[in-house]
Structure formats: C-alpha cells, structure tokens
C-alpha cells in the first residue's frame, strides 16, 4: 500500500503578487516605448528609399533628355511623357517608373526644379505631419538627407 502524504499547499501572498505586477510594470515602461517607435522609423526609412529611387529615375531622365523635368512637369514626367518646357525629346517610351509612389503617410512626394540654392532639384516628403518643418518623425525628409 502506498502511503499518501498530505502536504499543506501554500499559495502566493498578496504582497508577492503585487511585487511581481510592479516589476512587470517597470519592465513594460522601459521596453514598450522602444518598440512603439519602430513603425515610425520604418516609415522614415521607406520614405528615404523611395526618394533615392525617385532621384535615380530623375538622373536617368536627365541623361536621356539633358535636363530635369520642370516643376510644372513634375514627377509625373517619370511615368508619362511630359509636355511643355523643357522638351523631353529623348523620353524613354517605357518610362522611368511604372507608377509614382506616395510617401508612407499617403501624401505625394514634393518636387521643385530648379531646387533651392545650388541643388538642381528639391525632392522631399513632409513626413508624418504632412506639413513643412517638424521634428523627429514629423520632420521633412529630402533628397539631400538620403545621399
């Protein structure tokens, strides 16, 4: 015959449970903010990648047509043959992009030619806030920052 021993089961006290909850809360307060900014960082990285791809397409356009599209012609000149000045006499019939991307926040990329200062063009996204200026993830992202 097996002799069963009855042990007194001991549970957790309220204080022990509260200590564990506080520790989890402190860890959560330190770790969660680091993960919360990851989607914003991913969007900034995606915008920089798009701007680099658009810059490359603009360079190919310039090599074929000897100038960048004007502000009036815009980035649409990379998808469809533009009209107006400067003429795109050697425009690639396949285009330079299949479609124009929007920035990760759903706003069209901004293009200005000639650019400010000595830049041949300005290519940028207004960032998360969709307005000029801003800080952190709302800061403007431009072609000069991706070089």
C-alpha atoms as a PDB file:
ATOM      1  CA  UNK A   1       0.000   0.000   0.000  1.00  0.00           C
ATOM      2  CA  UNK A   2       1.145   3.420  -0.843  1.00  0.00           C
ATOM      3  CA  UNK A   3       1.083   5.904   1.907  1.00  0.00           C
ATOM      4  CA  UNK A   4      -0.072   9.265   0.840  1.00  0.00           C
ATOM      5  CA  UNK A   5       1.384  12.214   2.473  1.00  0.00           C
ATOM      6  CA  UNK A   6      -0.644  15.308   2.561  1.00  0.00           C
ATOM      7  CA  UNK A   7       1.364  18.434   2.243  1.00  0.00           C
ATOM      8  CA  UNK A   8      -0.090  21.733   3.024  1.00  0.00           C
ATOM      9  CA  UNK A   9      -0.250  23.715  -0.218  1.00  0.00           C
ATOM     10  CA  UNK A  10       0.974  27.203   0.048  1.00  0.00           C
ATOM     11  CA  UNK A  11      -0.247  29.962  -2.323  1.00  0.00           C
ATOM     12  CA  UNK A  12       1.187  33.352  -3.156  1.00  0.00           C
ATOM     13  CA  UNK A  13       0.543  36.178  -0.793  1.00  0.00           C
ATOM     14  CA  UNK A  14      -0.973  39.417  -1.968  1.00  0.00           C
ATOM     15  CA  UNK A  15       2.359  41.193  -1.401  1.00  0.00           C
ATOM     16  CA  UNK A  16       4.224  38.712  -3.616  1.00  0.00           C
ATOM     17  CA  UNK A  17       1.690  39.167  -6.407  1.00  0.00           C
ATOM     18  CA  UNK A  18       1.917  42.950  -6.099  1.00  0.00           C
ATOM     19  CA  UNK A  19       5.732  42.853  -6.290  1.00  0.00           C
ATOM     20  CA  UNK A  20       5.553  40.786  -9.497  1.00  0.00           C
ATOM     21  CA  UNK A  21       2.988  43.181 -11.024  1.00  0.00           C
ATOM     22  CA  UNK A  22       5.185  46.191 -10.180  1.00  0.00           C
ATOM     23  CA  UNK A  23       8.251  44.508 -11.725  1.00  0.00           C
ATOM     24  CA  UNK A  24       6.301  43.726 -14.901  1.00  0.00           C
ATOM     25  CA  UNK A  25       5.053  47.326 -14.994  1.00  0.00           C
ATOM     26  CA  UNK A  26       8.560  48.757 -14.662  1.00  0.00           C
ATOM     27  CA  UNK A  27       9.899  46.460 -17.387  1.00  0.00           C
ATOM     28  CA  UNK A  28       6.978  47.343 -19.635  1.00  0.00           C
ATOM     29  CA  UNK A  29       7.562  51.056 -19.095  1.00  0.00           C
ATOM     30  CA  UNK A  30      11.179  50.647 -20.212  1.00  0.00           C
ATOM     31  CA  UNK A  31      10.672  48.256 -23.130  1.00  0.00           C
ATOM     32  CA  UNK A  32       7.379  49.257 -24.776  1.00  0.00           C
ATOM     33  CA  UNK A  33       8.404  52.799 -25.825  1.00  0.00           C
ATOM     34  CA  UNK A  34      11.361  51.364 -27.721  1.00  0.00           C
ATOM     35  CA  UNK A  35       9.082  49.117 -29.765  1.00  0.00           C
ATOM     36  CA  UNK A  36       6.392  51.742 -30.254  1.00  0.00           C
ATOM     37  CA  UNK A  37       8.687  53.963 -32.349  1.00  0.00           C
ATOM     38  CA  UNK A  38       9.647  51.138 -34.721  1.00  0.00           C
ATOM     39  CA  UNK A  39       6.728  51.661 -37.140  1.00  0.00           C
ATOM     40  CA  UNK A  40       7.603  55.362 -37.382  1.00  0.00           C
ATOM     41  CA  UNK A  41      11.257  54.542 -38.018  1.00  0.00           C
ATOM     42  CA  UNK A  42      10.218  52.059 -40.709  1.00  0.00           C
ATOM     43  CA  UNK A  43       8.143  54.746 -42.450  1.00  0.00           C
ATOM     44  CA  UNK A  44      11.056  57.201 -42.414  1.00  0.00           C
ATOM     45  CA  UNK A  45      13.330  54.510 -43.875  1.00  0.00           C
ATOM     46  CA  UNK A  46      10.737  53.700 -46.556  1.00  0.00           C
ATOM     47  CA  UNK A  47      10.460  57.401 -47.470  1.00  0.00           C
ATOM     48  CA  UNK A  48      14.252  57.683 -47.789  1.00  0.00           C
ATOM     49  CA  UNK A  49      14.302  54.592 -50.012  1.00  0.00           C
ATOM     50  CA  UNK A  50      11.510  55.999 -52.216  1.00  0.00           C
ATOM     51  CA  UNK A  51      13.311  59.341 -52.517  1.00  0.00           C
ATOM     52  CA  UNK A  52      16.511  57.550 -53.519  1.00  0.00           C
ATOM     53  CA  UNK A  53      14.605  55.572 -56.189  1.00  0.00           C
ATOM     54  CA  UNK A  54      12.951  58.775 -57.461  1.00  0.00           C
ATOM     55  CA  UNK A  55      16.363  60.506 -57.543  1.00  0.00           C
ATOM     56  CA  UNK A  56      17.782  57.653 -59.600  1.00  0.00           C
ATOM     57  CA  UNK A  57      14.864  57.884 -62.041  1.00  0.00           C
ATOM     58  CA  UNK A  58      15.368  61.660 -62.281  1.00  0.00           C
ATOM     59  CA  UNK A  59      19.047  61.108 -63.125  1.00  0.00           C
ATOM     60  CA  UNK A  60      18.099  58.627 -65.882  1.00  0.00           C
ATOM     61  CA  UNK A  61      15.576  61.177 -67.203  1.00  0.00           C
ATOM     62  CA  UNK A  62      18.282  63.870 -67.222  1.00  0.00           C
ATOM     63  CA  UNK A  63      20.730  61.623 -69.051  1.00  0.00           C
ATOM     64  CA  UNK A  64      18.153  60.974 -71.790  1.00  0.00           C
ATOM     65  CA  UNK A  65      16.706  64.492 -72.030  1.00  0.00           C
ATOM     66  CA  UNK A  66      19.652  66.703 -70.948  1.00  0.00           C
ATOM     67  CA  UNK A  67      17.656  68.383 -68.159  1.00  0.00           C
ATOM     68  CA  UNK A  68      15.437  67.526 -65.235  1.00  0.00           C
ATOM     69  CA  UNK A  69      11.672  67.893 -65.586  1.00  0.00           C
ATOM     70  CA  UNK A  70      10.421  71.341 -64.630  1.00  0.00           C
ATOM     71  CA  UNK A  71       8.290  71.889 -61.553  1.00  0.00           C
ATOM     72  CA  UNK A  72       5.307  72.197 -63.920  1.00  0.00           C
ATOM     73  CA  UNK A  73       6.055  68.814 -65.496  1.00  0.00           C
ATOM     74  CA  UNK A  74       6.669  67.357 -62.055  1.00  0.00           C
ATOM     75  CA  UNK A  75       7.448  63.793 -61.117  1.00  0.00           C
ATOM     76  CA  UNK A  76       4.671  62.675 -63.450  1.00  0.00           C
ATOM     77  CA  UNK A  77       7.303  63.099 -66.218  1.00  0.00           C
ATOM     78  CA  UNK A  78       8.893  59.902 -64.914  1.00  0.00           C
ATOM     79  CA  UNK A  79       5.739  57.919 -65.737  1.00  0.00           C
ATOM     80  CA  UNK A  80       4.234  59.720 -68.778  1.00  0.00           C
ATOM     81  CA  UNK A  81       5.956  61.770 -71.462  1.00  0.00           C
ATOM     82  CA  UNK A  82       5.638  65.386 -70.389  1.00  0.00           C
ATOM     83  CA  UNK A  83       4.564  68.345 -72.463  1.00  0.00           C
ATOM     84  CA  UNK A  84       5.872  71.863 -72.065  1.00  0.00           C
ATOM     85  CA  UNK A  85       9.372  73.099 -71.427  1.00  0.00           C
ATOM     86  CA  UNK A  86      11.973  71.781 -71.295  1.00  0.00           C
ATOM     87  CA  UNK A  87      11.007  69.361 -74.060  1.00  0.00           C
ATOM     88  CA  UNK A  88      11.563  65.665 -73.442  1.00  0.00           C
ATOM     89  CA  UNK A  89      12.772  64.761 -76.948  1.00  0.00           C
ATOM     90  CA  UNK A  90      14.505  61.540 -75.931  1.00  0.00           C
ATOM     91  CA  UNK A  91      11.943  60.391 -73.373  1.00  0.00           C
ATOM     92  CA  UNK A  92      12.146  56.636 -72.816  1.00  0.00           C
ATOM     93  CA  UNK A  93       8.935  55.055 -74.207  1.00  0.00           C
ATOM     94  CA  UNK A  94       8.963  52.617 -71.277  1.00  0.00           C
ATOM     95  CA  UNK A  95       9.056  55.497 -68.820  1.00  0.00           C
ATOM     96  CA  UNK A  96      11.382  55.735 -65.860  1.00  0.00           C
ATOM     97  CA  UNK A  97       8.987  54.366 -63.230  1.00  0.00           C
ATOM     98  CA  UNK A  98       5.921  52.152 -63.533  1.00  0.00           C
ATOM     99  CA  UNK A  99       3.988  54.353 -61.088  1.00  0.00           C
ATOM    100  CA  UNK A 100       4.674  57.244 -58.769  1.00  0.00           C
ATOM    101  CA  UNK A 101       4.829  56.222 -55.129  1.00  0.00           C
ATOM    102  CA  UNK A 102       3.153  58.190 -52.374  1.00  0.00           C
ATOM    103  CA  UNK A 103       5.093  58.686 -49.192  1.00  0.00           C
ATOM    104  CA  UNK A 104       4.404  56.203 -46.348  1.00  0.00           C
ATOM    105  CA  UNK A 105       1.852  58.628 -44.885  1.00  0.00           C
ATOM    106  CA  UNK A 106      -0.173  58.680 -48.124  1.00  0.00           C
ATOM    107  CA  UNK A 107       0.969  62.097 -49.366  1.00  0.00           C
ATOM    108  CA  UNK A 108       2.580  62.709 -52.779  1.00  0.00           C
ATOM    109  CA  UNK A 109       6.302  63.442 -52.776  1.00  0.00           C
ATOM    110  CA  UNK A 110       7.102  67.103 -53.389  1.00  0.00           C
ATOM    111  CA  UNK A 111       9.299  68.143 -56.325  1.00  0.00           C
ATOM    112  CA  UNK A 112      10.731  71.541 -57.221  1.00  0.00           C
ATOM    113  CA  UNK A 113      13.030  72.218 -60.154  1.00  0.00           C
ATOM    114  CA  UNK A 114      15.276  74.101 -60.096  1.00  0.00           C
ATOM    115  CA  UNK A 115      15.892  73.463 -56.436  1.00  0.00           C
ATOM    116  CA  UNK A 116      16.839  75.874 -53.721  1.00  0.00           C
ATOM    117  CA  UNK A 117      20.428  77.019 -53.533  1.00  0.00           C
ATOM    118  CA  UNK A 118      22.690  75.171 -55.918  1.00  0.00           C
ATOM    119  CA  UNK A 119      20.585  71.995 -55.997  1.00  0.00           C
ATOM    120  CA  UNK A 120      19.271  71.045 -59.445  1.00  0.00           C
ATOM    121  CA  UNK A 121      16.007  69.960 -57.792  1.00  0.00           C
ATOM    122  CA  UNK A 122      14.387  69.512 -54.407  1.00  0.00           C
ATOM    123  CA  UNK A 123      12.643  66.215 -53.733  1.00  0.00           C
ATOM    124  CA  UNK A 124      11.067  65.674 -50.345  1.00  0.00           C
ATOM    125  CA  UNK A 125       8.294  64.372 -48.118  1.00  0.00           C
ATOM    126  CA  UNK A 126       6.756  66.480 -45.377  1.00  0.00           C
ATOM    127  CA  UNK A 127       6.935  63.493 -43.007  1.00  0.00           C
ATOM    128  CA  UNK A 128       4.300  62.229 -40.590  1.00  0.00           C
ATOM    129  CA  UNK A 129       2.574  65.577 -40.035  1.00  0.00           C
ATOM    130  CA  UNK A 130       2.232  66.389 -43.763  1.00  0.00           C
ATOM    131  CA  UNK A 131       3.391  69.967 -43.155  1.00  0.00           C
ATOM    132  CA  UNK A 132       6.681  71.786 -43.801  1.00  0.00           C
ATOM    133  CA  UNK A 133       9.201  71.600 -40.978  1.00  0.00           C
ATOM    134  CA  UNK A 134       8.642  69.414 -37.963  1.00  0.00           C
ATOM    135  CA  UNK A 135      10.833  67.394 -35.648  1.00  0.00           C
ATOM    136  CA  UNK A 136      11.551  63.709 -35.116  1.00  0.00           C
ATOM    137  CA  UNK A 137       9.183  61.585 -37.224  1.00  0.00           C
ATOM    138  CA  UNK A 138       7.281  64.676 -38.383  1.00  0.00           C
ATOM    139  CA  UNK A 139      10.469  66.219 -39.868  1.00  0.00           C
ATOM    140  CA  UNK A 140      10.789  66.723 -43.596  1.00  0.00           C
ATOM    141  CA  UNK A 141      12.755  64.043 -45.457  1.00  0.00           C
ATOM    142  CA  UNK A 142      14.585  65.297 -48.525  1.00  0.00           C
ATOM    143  CA  UNK A 143      16.874  64.027 -51.259  1.00  0.00           C
ATOM    144  CA  UNK A 144      19.935  65.699 -49.752  1.00  0.00           C
ATOM    145  CA  UNK A 145      19.495  63.742 -46.491  1.00  0.00           C
ATOM    146  CA  UNK A 146      19.490  60.403 -48.363  1.00  0.00           C
ATOM    147  CA  UNK A 147      22.852  60.896 -50.103  1.00  0.00           C
END
